[in-house]
C-alpha atoms as a PDB file:
ATOM      1  CA  MET A   1      -4.036  13.576   4.838  1.00  0.00           C
ATOM      2  CA  ASP A   2      -1.197  11.541   6.302  1.00  0.00           C
ATOM      3  CA  GLY A   3      -1.971   8.740   3.842  1.00  0.00           C
ATOM      4  CA  TRP A   4      -1.773  11.265   1.004  1.00  0.00           C
ATOM      5  CA  SER A   5       1.623  12.454   2.227  1.00  0.00           C
ATOM      6  CA  ARG A   6       2.986   8.921   2.520  1.00  0.00           C
ATOM      7  CA  PHE A   7       1.769   8.103  -1.004  1.00  0.00           C
ATOM      8  CA  GLN A   8       3.707  11.126  -2.276  1.00  0.00           C
ATOM      9  CA  ASN A   9       6.763   9.870  -0.348  1.00  0.00           C
ATOM     10  CA  TYR A  10       6.330   6.432  -1.926  1.00  0.00           C
ATOM     11  CA  LYS A  11       6.188   7.819  -5.474  1.00  0.00           C
ATOM     12  CA  ARG A  12       9.228  10.043  -4.932  1.00  0.00           C
ATOM     13  CA  ALA A  13      11.237   7.243  -3.286  1.00  0.00           C
ATOM     14  CA  LYS A  14      10.410   4.818  -6.081  1.00  0.00           C
ATOM     15  CA  ASP A  15      11.568   7.292  -8.725  1.00  0.00           C
ATOM     16  CA  LEU A  16      14.775   8.009  -6.814  1.00  0.00           C
ATOM     17  CA  PHE A  17      15.562   4.320  -6.296  1.00  0.00           C
ATOM     18  CA  PHE A  18      14.784   3.620  -9.954  1.00  0.00           C
ATOM     19  CA  VAL A  19      17.164   6.323 -11.162  1.00  0.00           C
ATOM     20  CA  HIS A  20      19.984   5.914  -8.620  1.00  0.00           C
ATOM     21  CA  GLY A  21      19.598   2.316  -7.456  1.00  0.00           C
ATOM     22  CA  PHE A  22      19.725   1.805  -3.719  1.00  0.00           C
ATOM     23  CA  SER A  23      21.335   4.843  -2.129  1.00  0.00           C
ATOM     24  CA  SER A  24      21.830   5.590   1.543  1.00  0.00           C
ATOM     25  CA  LYS A  25      21.239   9.281   0.773  1.00  0.00           C
ATOM     26  CA  VAL A  26      17.784   8.475  -0.556  1.00  0.00           C
ATOM     27  CA  ALA A  27      17.029   6.147   2.363  1.00  0.00           C
ATOM     28  CA  ASP A  28      18.072   8.865   4.840  1.00  0.00           C
ATOM     29  CA  MET A  29      15.320  11.110   3.483  1.00  0.00           C
ATOM     30  CA  TYR A  30      12.751   8.616   4.815  1.00  0.00           C
ATOM     31  CA  LEU A  31      14.388   7.711   8.113  1.00  0.00           C
ATOM     32  CA  GLY A  32      12.316  10.105  10.245  1.00  0.00           C
ATOM     33  CA  SER A  33       9.139   8.140  10.929  1.00  0.00           C
ATOM     34  CA  LYS A  34       7.700   4.638  10.710  1.00  0.00           C
ATOM     35  CA  CYS A  35       5.249   5.669   7.984  1.00  0.00           C
ATOM     36  CA  GLN A  36       7.955   7.261   5.846  1.00  0.00           C
ATOM     37  CA  ARG A  37      10.214   4.240   6.301  1.00  0.00           C
ATOM     38  CA  ASN A  38       7.354   1.956   5.264  1.00  0.00           C
ATOM     39  CA  ALA A  39       6.738   4.043   2.128  1.00  0.00           C
ATOM     40  CA  ALA A  40      10.433   3.807   1.219  1.00  0.00           C
ATOM     41  CA  ILE A  41      10.571   0.073   1.993  1.00  0.00           C
ATOM     42  CA  VAL A  42       7.589  -0.664  -0.261  1.00  0.00           C
ATOM     43  CA  ALA A  43       9.099   1.427  -3.064  1.00  0.00           C
ATOM     44  CA  ALA A  44      12.482  -0.282  -2.652  1.00  0.00           C
ATOM     45  CA  GLU A  45      10.887  -3.732  -2.475  1.00  0.00           C
ATOM     46  CA  GLU A  46       9.107  -3.211  -5.785  1.00  0.00           C
ATOM     47  CA  LEU A  47      12.476  -2.463  -7.381  1.00  0.00           C
ATOM     48  CA  GLY A  48      14.332  -5.338  -5.715  1.00  0.00           C
ATOM     49  CA  TYR A  49      16.122  -3.395  -2.972  1.00  0.00           C
ATOM     50  CA  LYS A  50      14.208  -4.567   0.103  1.00  0.00           C
ATOM     51  CA  HIS A  51      17.167  -6.359   1.677  1.00  0.00           C
ATOM     52  CA  GLU A  52      19.432  -3.331   1.181  1.00  0.00           C
ATOM     53  CA  ILE A  53      17.030  -0.814   2.686  1.00  0.00           C
ATOM     54  CA  THR A  54      16.017  -2.952   5.675  1.00  0.00           C
ATOM     55  CA  THR A  55      19.675  -3.701   6.409  1.00  0.00           C
ATOM     56  CA  TYR A  56      20.492  -0.011   6.116  1.00  0.00           C
ATOM     57  CA  PHE A  57      17.687   1.029   8.474  1.00  0.00           C
ATOM     58  CA  ARG A  58      18.847  -1.599  10.994  1.00  0.00           C
ATOM     59  CA  SER A  59      22.398  -0.252  10.758  1.00  0.00           C
ATOM     60  CA  LYS A  60      21.032   3.209  11.619  1.00  0.00           C
ATOM     61  CA  GLY A  61      19.526   1.803  14.830  1.00  0.00           C
ATOM     62  CA  VAL A  62      15.906   1.521  13.698  1.00  0.00           C
ATOM     63  CA  LYS A  63      14.043  -1.204  15.577  1.00  0.00           C
ATOM     64  CA  TRP A  64      10.673  -2.790  14.800  1.00  0.00           C
ATOM     65  CA  PHE A  65       9.074  -0.983  17.765  1.00  0.00           C
ATOM     66  CA  HIS A  66      10.133   2.536  16.691  1.00  0.00           C
ATOM     67  CA  TYR A  67       6.646   3.806  15.889  1.00  0.00           C
ATOM     68  CA  PHE A  68       6.933   7.394  17.045  1.00  0.00           C
ATOM     69  CA  PRO A  69       8.749   9.760  14.694  1.00  0.00           C
ATOM     70  CA  TYR A  70      12.163  10.748  15.995  1.00  0.00           C
ATOM     71  CA  PHE A  71      11.394  14.464  15.833  1.00  0.00           C
ATOM     72  CA  MET A  72       8.651  14.010  18.457  1.00  0.00           C
ATOM     73  CA  ILE A  73      11.264  12.826  20.922  1.00  0.00           C
ATOM     74  CA  HIS A  74      13.837  15.493  20.052  1.00  0.00           C
ATOM     75  CA  ASP A  75      11.377  18.401  19.865  1.00  0.00           C
ATOM     76  CA  PRO A  76       8.440  18.167  22.302  1.00  0.00           C
ATOM     77  CA  LEU A  77       6.909  21.366  20.876  1.00  0.00           C
ATOM     78  CA  PHE A  78       6.688  19.896  17.358  1.00  0.00           C
ATOM     79  CA  LEU A  79       2.957  20.710  17.081  1.00  0.00           C
ATOM     80  CA  PHE A  80       3.848  24.394  16.886  1.00  0.00           C
ATOM     81  CA  LYS A  81       6.434  24.021  14.119  1.00  0.00           C
ATOM     82  CA  ASN A  82       5.784  24.399  10.388  1.00  0.00           C
ATOM     83  CA  TYR A  83       8.001  21.456   9.458  1.00  0.00           C
ATOM     84  CA  PHE A  84       5.644  19.074  11.269  1.00  0.00           C
ATOM     85  CA  TRP A  85       2.559  20.226   9.398  1.00  0.00           C
ATOM     86  CA  GLU A  86       4.306  20.423   6.034  1.00  0.00           C
ATOM     87  CA  ARG A  87       6.041  17.054   6.271  1.00  0.00           C
ATOM     88  CA  THR A  88       3.153  15.177   7.904  1.00  0.00           C
ATOM     89  CA  PHE A  89      -0.040  16.447   6.327  1.00  0.00           C
ATOM     90  CA  LEU A  90       0.766  18.938   3.579  1.00  0.00           C
ATOM     91  CA  GLU A  91       3.232  17.072   1.359  1.00  0.00           C
ATOM     92  CA  LYS A  92       3.094  18.543  -2.136  1.00  0.00           C
ATOM     93  CA  SER A  93       1.709  16.438  -4.956  1.00  0.00           C
ATOM     94  CA  TYR A  94       4.396  14.444  -6.727  1.00  0.00           C
ATOM     95  CA  ILE A  95       3.946  13.144 -10.262  1.00  0.00           C
ATOM     96  CA  ALA A  96       5.922   9.983 -10.950  1.00  0.00           C
ATOM     97  CA  LYS A  97       8.492  10.387 -13.695  1.00  0.00           C
ATOM     98  CA  PHE A  98       8.124   6.830 -14.988  1.00  0.00           C
ATOM     99  CA  ASP A  99       5.186   4.649 -15.987  1.00  0.00           C
ATOM    100  CA  TYR A 100       6.076   1.508 -14.037  1.00  0.00           C
ATOM    101  CA  LYS A 101       3.151  -0.525 -15.369  1.00  0.00           C
ATOM    102  CA  ARG A 102       4.292   0.061 -18.936  1.00  0.00           C
ATOM    103  CA  LEU A 103       7.911  -0.686 -18.014  1.00  0.00           C
ATOM    104  CA  GLN A 104       6.853  -3.930 -16.359  1.00  0.00           C
ATOM    105  CA  LEU A 105       4.864  -4.986 -19.438  1.00  0.00           C
ATOM    106  CA  GLU A 106       7.807  -4.178 -21.716  1.00  0.00           C
ATOM    107  CA  ARG A 107      10.129  -6.180 -19.491  1.00  0.00           C
ATOM    108  CA  ALA A 108       7.753  -9.172 -19.582  1.00  0.00           C
ATOM    109  CA  ILE A 109       7.828  -9.244 -23.383  1.00  0.00           C
END
């Protein structure tokens, strides 16, 4: 279920980066955990913003060894909170607004 949630994060991040370009506001939405950051990095990389997002995450103090989500450190009782279950395992289905395969084929022509 966590993989499902991260895939939804990836699709949403890719759409947001496609529409707005690299934006720190969009990147902040995925700052919370290693998995969410990875989903945003992959989405940004596919659109040519990998350097921007990795530099931004570094500027926010994210290190390569930050595996545990920040909320686990700030809220030890996270298992009893709705936000944990909703954000980690119950992310709503997101339908991508753009057909990136078609756009890539059009760009190649």
